[in-house]
C-alpha atoms as a PDB file:
ATOM      1  CA  MET A   1      22.072 -14.951  25.347  1.00  0.00           C
ATOM      2  CA  SER A   2      18.665 -16.628  25.321  1.00  0.00           C
ATOM      3  CA  ALA A   3      18.538 -20.398  25.357  1.00  0.00           C
ATOM      4  CA  LEU A   4      15.221 -20.389  23.521  1.00  0.00           C
ATOM      5  CA  PRO A   5      15.116 -21.104  19.767  1.00  0.00           C
ATOM      6  CA  ASP A   6      14.375 -18.166  17.477  1.00  0.00           C
ATOM      7  CA  ASP A   7      10.718 -19.072  16.971  1.00  0.00           C
ATOM      8  CA  GLN A   8      10.116 -19.087  20.760  1.00  0.00           C
ATOM      9  CA  GLN A   9      11.972 -15.946  21.685  1.00  0.00           C
ATOM     10  CA  THR A  10       9.958 -12.838  22.510  1.00  0.00           C
ATOM     11  CA  PRO A  11      10.513 -10.288  19.724  1.00  0.00           C
ATOM     12  CA  ALA A  12      11.987  -6.925  20.624  1.00  0.00           C
ATOM     13  CA  PRO A  13       9.379  -4.174  21.109  1.00  0.00           C
ATOM     14  CA  GLY A  14       8.198  -2.962  17.727  1.00  0.00           C
ATOM     15  CA  ARG A  15       9.896  -5.821  15.890  1.00  0.00           C
ATOM     16  CA  PRO A  16       7.781  -8.540  14.232  1.00  0.00           C
ATOM     17  CA  GLY A  17       8.217 -12.108  15.457  1.00  0.00           C
ATOM     18  CA  LEU A  18       9.860 -14.835  13.406  1.00  0.00           C
ATOM     19  CA  ARG A  19       6.565 -16.110  12.043  1.00  0.00           C
ATOM     20  CA  GLU A  20       5.545 -12.640  10.854  1.00  0.00           C
ATOM     21  CA  ARG A  21       8.958 -12.114   9.247  1.00  0.00           C
ATOM     22  CA  LYS A  22       8.686 -15.438   7.410  1.00  0.00           C
ATOM     23  CA  LYS A  23       5.233 -14.483   6.165  1.00  0.00           C
ATOM     24  CA  ALA A  24       6.536 -11.120   4.978  1.00  0.00           C
ATOM     25  CA  ARG A  25       9.403 -12.812   3.109  1.00  0.00           C
ATOM     26  CA  THR A  26       7.040 -15.283   1.455  1.00  0.00           C
ATOM     27  CA  ARG A  27       4.661 -12.510   0.461  1.00  0.00           C
ATOM     28  CA  ALA A  28       7.505 -10.436  -0.971  1.00  0.00           C
ATOM     29  CA  ALA A  29       8.893 -13.434  -2.888  1.00  0.00           C
ATOM     30  CA  ILE A  30       5.516 -14.154  -4.464  1.00  0.00           C
ATOM     31  CA  ARG A  31       5.180 -10.546  -5.620  1.00  0.00           C
ATOM     32  CA  GLU A  32       8.744 -10.374  -6.942  1.00  0.00           C
ATOM     33  CA  HIS A  33       8.365 -13.552  -9.002  1.00  0.00           C
ATOM     34  CA  ALA A  34       4.940 -12.456 -10.219  1.00  0.00           C
ATOM     35  CA  PHE A  35       6.263  -9.145 -11.523  1.00  0.00           C
ATOM     36  CA  ARG A  36       9.249 -10.863 -13.111  1.00  0.00           C
ATOM     37  CA  LEU A  37       6.892 -13.163 -15.012  1.00  0.00           C
ATOM     38  CA  PHE A  38       4.659 -10.240 -15.970  1.00  0.00           C
ATOM     39  CA  ARG A  39       7.693  -8.526 -17.475  1.00  0.00           C
ATOM     40  CA  GLU A  40       8.845 -11.632 -19.322  1.00  0.00           C
ATOM     41  CA  GLN A  41       5.561 -12.893 -20.758  1.00  0.00           C
ATOM     42  CA  GLY A  42       2.873 -10.324 -20.000  1.00  0.00           C
ATOM     43  CA  TYR A  43       0.200 -10.140 -17.341  1.00  0.00           C
ATOM     44  CA  ASP A  44      -2.535 -12.049 -19.156  1.00  0.00           C
ATOM     45  CA  ALA A  45      -0.214 -14.898 -20.160  1.00  0.00           C
ATOM     46  CA  THR A  46       0.994 -15.428 -16.604  1.00  0.00           C
ATOM     47  CA  THR A  47      -0.965 -17.880 -14.457  1.00  0.00           C
ATOM     48  CA  VAL A  48      -1.215 -18.248 -10.703  1.00  0.00           C
ATOM     49  CA  ASP A  49       0.288 -21.743 -11.034  1.00  0.00           C
ATOM     50  CA  GLN A  50       3.342 -20.276 -12.778  1.00  0.00           C
ATOM     51  CA  ILE A  51       3.769 -17.630 -10.081  1.00  0.00           C
ATOM     52  CA  ALA A  52       3.426 -20.184  -7.303  1.00  0.00           C
ATOM     53  CA  ASP A  53       5.910 -22.530  -8.970  1.00  0.00           C
ATOM     54  CA  ALA A  54       8.454 -19.725  -9.426  1.00  0.00           C
ATOM     55  CA  ALA A  55       8.077 -18.687  -5.774  1.00  0.00           C
ATOM     56  CA  GLU A  56       8.276 -22.354  -4.678  1.00  0.00           C
ATOM     57  CA  VAL A  57       4.903 -22.301  -2.948  1.00  0.00           C
ATOM     58  CA  SER A  58       1.667 -24.133  -3.671  1.00  0.00           C
ATOM     59  CA  PRO A  59      -1.243 -22.391  -5.446  1.00  0.00           C
ATOM     60  CA  SER A  60      -3.229 -22.689  -2.202  1.00  0.00           C
ATOM     61  CA  THR A  61      -0.437 -20.819  -0.402  1.00  0.00           C
ATOM     62  CA  PHE A  62      -0.559 -18.137  -3.079  1.00  0.00           C
ATOM     63  CA  PHE A  63      -4.273 -17.669  -2.441  1.00  0.00           C
ATOM     64  CA  ARG A  64      -3.703 -17.422   1.313  1.00  0.00           C
ATOM     65  CA  TYR A  65      -1.631 -14.329   0.641  1.00  0.00           C
ATOM     66  CA  PHE A  66      -3.468 -12.941  -2.390  1.00  0.00           C
ATOM     67  CA  PRO A  67      -7.151 -13.740  -3.062  1.00  0.00           C
ATOM     68  CA  THR A  68      -6.751 -13.083  -6.810  1.00  0.00           C
ATOM     69  CA  LYS A  69      -3.986 -12.599  -9.362  1.00  0.00           C
ATOM     70  CA  GLU A  70      -4.951  -8.926  -9.483  1.00  0.00           C
ATOM     71  CA  ASP A  71      -4.270  -8.623  -5.762  1.00  0.00           C
ATOM     72  CA  VAL A  72      -0.630  -9.636  -6.217  1.00  0.00           C
ATOM     73  CA  VAL A  73      -0.280  -6.439  -8.243  1.00  0.00           C
ATOM     74  CA  LEU A  74      -2.212  -4.154  -5.938  1.00  0.00           C
ATOM     75  CA  GLN A  75      -1.744  -5.371  -2.385  1.00  0.00           C
ATOM     76  CA  ASP A  76       1.402  -3.830  -0.968  1.00  0.00           C
ATOM     77  CA  ASP A  77       1.934  -2.223   2.406  1.00  0.00           C
ATOM     78  CA  MET A  78       1.949   1.383   1.254  1.00  0.00           C
ATOM     79  CA  ASP A  79      -1.354   2.221   2.938  1.00  0.00           C
ATOM     80  CA  THR A  80      -0.197   0.919   6.313  1.00  0.00           C
ATOM     81  CA  ARG A  81       3.175   2.657   5.820  1.00  0.00           C
ATOM     82  CA  TRP A  82       1.298   5.910   5.224  1.00  0.00           C
ATOM     83  CA  ALA A  83      -0.934   5.375   8.262  1.00  0.00           C
ATOM     84  CA  ASP A  84       2.099   4.653  10.457  1.00  0.00           C
ATOM     85  CA  ALA A  85       3.838   7.766   9.141  1.00  0.00           C
ATOM     86  CA  VAL A  86       0.711   9.837   9.898  1.00  0.00           C
ATOM     87  CA  ARG A  87       0.716   8.566  13.488  1.00  0.00           C
ATOM     88  CA  ALA A  88       4.338   9.654  13.844  1.00  0.00           C
ATOM     89  CA  GLN A  89       3.586  13.292  12.945  1.00  0.00           C
ATOM     90  CA  ALA A  90       3.486  16.054  15.554  1.00  0.00           C
ATOM     91  CA  PRO A  91       0.239  16.069  17.555  1.00  0.00           C
ATOM     92  CA  GLY A  92      -0.490  19.705  16.708  1.00  0.00           C
ATOM     93  CA  LEU A  93      -0.895  19.061  12.982  1.00  0.00           C
ATOM     94  CA  SER A  94      -4.366  18.781  11.522  1.00  0.00           C
ATOM     95  CA  PRO A  95      -5.273  15.415   9.971  1.00  0.00           C
ATOM     96  CA  LEU A  96      -4.765  16.779   6.446  1.00  0.00           C
ATOM     97  CA  ALA A  97      -1.456  18.412   7.337  1.00  0.00           C
ATOM     98  CA  ALA A  98      -0.306  15.151   8.924  1.00  0.00           C
ATOM     99  CA  LEU A  99      -1.319  13.185   5.833  1.00  0.00           C
ATOM    100  CA  ARG A 100       0.692  15.569   3.646  1.00  0.00           C
ATOM    101  CA  ALA A 101       3.725  15.575   5.927  1.00  0.00           C
ATOM    102  CA  ALA A 102       3.725  11.793   6.073  1.00  0.00           C
ATOM    103  CA  ILE A 103       4.113  11.295   2.316  1.00  0.00           C
ATOM    104  CA  PRO A 104       7.937  11.600   2.167  1.00  0.00           C
ATOM    105  CA  ALA A 105       8.291   9.313   5.192  1.00  0.00           C
ATOM    106  CA  THR A 106       6.039   6.753   3.502  1.00  0.00           C
ATOM    107  CA  PHE A 107       8.414   6.396   0.583  1.00  0.00           C
ATOM    108  CA  ALA A 108      11.631   6.870   2.546  1.00  0.00           C
ATOM    109  CA  GLY A 109      13.584   3.692   3.020  1.00  0.00           C
ATOM    110  CA  LEU A 110      12.033   1.865   0.081  1.00  0.00           C
ATOM    111  CA  ALA A 111      14.658  -0.109  -1.809  1.00  0.00           C
ATOM    112  CA  PRO A 112      15.020   0.491  -5.574  1.00  0.00           C
ATOM    113  CA  GLY A 113      13.350  -2.858  -6.206  1.00  0.00           C
ATOM    114  CA  GLN A 114      10.344  -1.868  -4.114  1.00  0.00           C
ATOM    115  CA  LEU A 115      10.035   1.429  -5.956  1.00  0.00           C
ATOM    116  CA  GLN A 116      10.200  -0.447  -9.253  1.00  0.00           C
ATOM    117  CA  LEU A 117       7.367  -2.768  -8.210  1.00  0.00           C
ATOM    118  CA  LEU A 118       5.318   0.241  -7.149  1.00  0.00           C
ATOM    119  CA  GLN A 119       5.866   1.862 -10.538  1.00  0.00           C
ATOM    120  CA  GLU A 120       4.996  -1.346 -12.369  1.00  0.00           C
ATOM    121  CA  SER A 121       1.851  -1.869 -10.318  1.00  0.00           C
ATOM    122  CA  SER A 122       0.760   1.653 -11.261  1.00  0.00           C
ATOM    123  CA  GLU A 123       1.301   0.883 -14.934  1.00  0.00           C
ATOM    124  CA  LEU A 124      -0.614  -2.417 -14.730  1.00  0.00           C
ATOM    125  CA  ALA A 125      -3.474  -0.738 -12.872  1.00  0.00           C
ATOM    126  CA  THR A 126      -3.934   1.683 -15.740  1.00  0.00           C
ATOM    127  CA  SER A 127      -3.335  -0.723 -18.636  1.00  0.00           C
ATOM    128  CA  VAL A 128      -4.917  -4.064 -17.635  1.00  0.00           C
ATOM    129  CA  PRO A 129      -8.733  -3.947 -17.355  1.00  0.00           C
ATOM    130  CA  ALA A 130      -8.949  -6.712 -14.718  1.00  0.00           C
ATOM    131  CA  VAL A 131      -6.376  -5.006 -12.516  1.00  0.00           C
ATOM    132  CA  ARG A 132      -8.017  -1.636 -13.016  1.00  0.00           C
ATOM    133  CA  ALA A 133     -11.371  -3.030 -11.880  1.00  0.00           C
ATOM    134  CA  ARG A 134      -9.853  -4.652  -8.806  1.00  0.00           C
ATOM    135  CA  PHE A 135      -7.977  -1.424  -8.144  1.00  0.00           C
ATOM    136  CA  LEU A 136     -11.276   0.253  -7.235  1.00  0.00           C
ATOM    137  CA  ASP A 137     -11.999  -2.438  -4.629  1.00  0.00           C
ATOM    138  CA  GLU A 138      -8.546  -1.951  -3.154  1.00  0.00           C
ATOM    139  CA  PHE A 139      -9.130   1.790  -2.889  1.00  0.00           C
ATOM    140  CA  GLY A 140     -12.309   1.101  -0.952  1.00  0.00           C
ATOM    141  CA  ARG A 141     -10.292  -0.911   1.566  1.00  0.00           C
ATOM    142  CA  THR A 142      -7.649   1.813   1.786  1.00  0.00           C
ATOM    143  CA  ILE A 143     -10.305   4.414   2.600  1.00  0.00           C
ATOM    144  CA  GLY A 144     -10.853   2.452   5.798  1.00  0.00           C
ATOM    145  CA  VAL A 145      -7.138   2.572   6.623  1.00  0.00           C
ATOM    146  CA  VAL A 146      -7.017   6.344   6.052  1.00  0.00           C
ATOM    147  CA  ALA A 147     -10.241   6.840   8.036  1.00  0.00           C
ATOM    148  CA  ALA A 148      -8.729   4.972  10.992  1.00  0.00           C
ATOM    149  CA  ALA A 149      -5.621   7.187  10.923  1.00  0.00           C
ATOM    150  CA  VAL A 150      -7.723  10.359  10.647  1.00  0.00           C
ATOM    151  CA  ALA A 151     -10.040   9.222  13.451  1.00  0.00           C
ATOM    152  CA  GLU A 152      -7.077   8.542  15.716  1.00  0.00           C
ATOM    153  CA  ARG A 153      -5.690  12.044  15.235  1.00  0.00           C
ATOM    154  CA  SER A 154      -9.051  13.804  15.509  1.00  0.00           C
ATOM    155  CA  GLY A 155     -10.427  11.807  18.427  1.00  0.00           C
ATOM    156  CA  ARG A 156     -13.460  10.757  16.431  1.00  0.00           C
ATOM    157  CA  ASP A 157     -14.927   7.422  15.451  1.00  0.00           C
ATOM    158  CA  PRO A 158     -13.788   5.989  12.076  1.00  0.00           C
ATOM    159  CA  SER A 159     -17.456   5.794  11.059  1.00  0.00           C
ATOM    160  CA  ASP A 160     -18.013   9.510  11.763  1.00  0.00           C
ATOM    161  CA  PRO A 161     -19.368  11.106   8.544  1.00  0.00           C
ATOM    162  CA  ALA A 162     -16.765  13.872   8.735  1.00  0.00           C
ATOM    163  CA  VAL A 163     -13.965  11.314   9.032  1.00  0.00           C
ATOM    164  CA  LEU A 164     -15.307   9.212   6.161  1.00  0.00           C
ATOM    165  CA  THR A 165     -15.780  12.298   3.987  1.00  0.00           C
ATOM    166  CA  LEU A 166     -12.206  13.429   4.587  1.00  0.00           C
ATOM    167  CA  ALA A 167     -10.836   9.925   3.968  1.00  0.00           C
ATOM    168  CA  GLY A 168     -12.849   9.648   0.759  1.00  0.00           C
ATOM    169  CA  ALA A 169     -11.674  13.063  -0.430  1.00  0.00           C
ATOM    170  CA  VAL A 170      -8.057  12.158   0.297  1.00  0.00           C
ATOM    171  CA  MET A 171      -8.354   8.877  -1.590  1.00  0.00           C
ATOM    172  CA  GLY A 172      -9.997  10.743  -4.450  1.00  0.00           C
ATOM    173  CA  VAL A 173      -6.842  12.871  -4.655  1.00  0.00           C
ATOM    174  CA  VAL A 174      -4.717   9.711  -4.555  1.00  0.00           C
ATOM    175  CA  MET A 175      -6.746   8.124  -7.350  1.00  0.00           C
ATOM    176  CA  ALA A 176      -6.606  11.246  -9.507  1.00  0.00           C
ATOM    177  CA  ALA A 177      -2.835  11.523  -9.020  1.00  0.00           C
ATOM    178  CA  TRP A 178      -2.364   7.794  -9.709  1.00  0.00           C
ATOM    179  CA  PHE A 179      -4.155   7.868 -13.052  1.00  0.00           C
ATOM    180  CA  ALA A 180      -2.937  11.309 -14.175  1.00  0.00           C
ATOM    181  CA  ALA A 181       0.781  10.849 -13.501  1.00  0.00           C
ATOM    182  CA  GLY A 182       3.103   9.100 -15.882  1.00  0.00           C
ATOM    183  CA  ASP A 183       5.495   7.912 -13.208  1.00  0.00           C
ATOM    184  CA  LEU A 184       5.905   7.578  -9.451  1.00  0.00           C
ATOM    185  CA  PRO A 185       7.619  10.961  -8.859  1.00  0.00           C
ATOM    186  CA  GLY A 186       4.859  12.635 -10.852  1.00  0.00           C
ATOM    187  CA  MET A 187       2.208  10.860  -8.801  1.00  0.00           C
ATOM    188  CA  MET A 188       3.829  11.967  -5.534  1.00  0.00           C
ATOM    189  CA  ALA A 189       4.006  15.578  -6.739  1.00  0.00           C
ATOM    190  CA  LEU A 190       0.341  15.584  -7.796  1.00  0.00           C
ATOM    191  CA  LEU A 191      -0.632  13.982  -4.503  1.00  0.00           C
ATOM    192  CA  GLN A 192       1.123  16.697  -2.526  1.00  0.00           C
ATOM    193  CA  GLN A 193      -0.495  19.414  -4.637  1.00  0.00           C
ATOM    194  CA  GLY A 194      -3.943  17.876  -4.335  1.00  0.00           C
ATOM    195  CA  LEU A 195      -3.745  17.494  -0.563  1.00  0.00           C
ATOM    196  CA  ALA A 196      -2.522  21.085  -0.294  1.00  0.00           C
ATOM    197  CA  LEU A 197      -5.601  22.203  -2.221  1.00  0.00           C
ATOM    198  CA  LEU A 198      -7.851  20.248   0.128  1.00  0.00           C
ATOM    199  CA  GLU A 199      -6.104  21.776   3.104  1.00  0.00           C
ATOM    200  CA  GLU A 200      -6.722  25.250   1.680  1.00  0.00           C
ATOM    201  CA  GLY A 201     -10.434  24.518   1.304  1.00  0.00           C
ATOM    202  CA  LEU A 202     -10.165  23.624  -2.391  1.00  0.00           C
ATOM    203  CA  PRO A 203     -10.082  27.186  -3.757  1.00  0.00           C
ATOM    204  CA  LEU A 204     -11.219  27.354  -7.373  1.00  0.00           C
END
């Protein structure tokens, strides 16, 4: 048994350190309280100060985790989950095939509460103009995450036009599925179908 305190112990390989785990818990608590308040009193009526007070953090701490109130709705870890799942796919798969195969793994292991927040964020992104506008910025950031995963599998640079084009096309499918589906299962089904069409060369 180590004699070092928890915050000085070396984390196990692949496991975040204590500081990272504390940050993740704080981030999750802020989002959970924010969504609870959105349910109780509506998005527009909920202030950052109210969210921070409910999560027992200062407003400045809130803004260290989320630059805007809209970001507390949109910024989850689904893009990095997807990228990690893509990296775990068999080396022989094409980038598009790996992206498709990684979708079930991306959602596997999510607790019911996490799935509920994902569903609610989808609904807010389509119904609240401020969130919808910020949603486009968030998609731009996610294109970079997808491009990095595609570049890694293809051996190309993330700024390669072919990589950026593929990442943009994939995120276009994600956006179309997000706005067209009425619920999370529907979105996942449309996403799979859309990526399959891209993989087939988009036959029309």
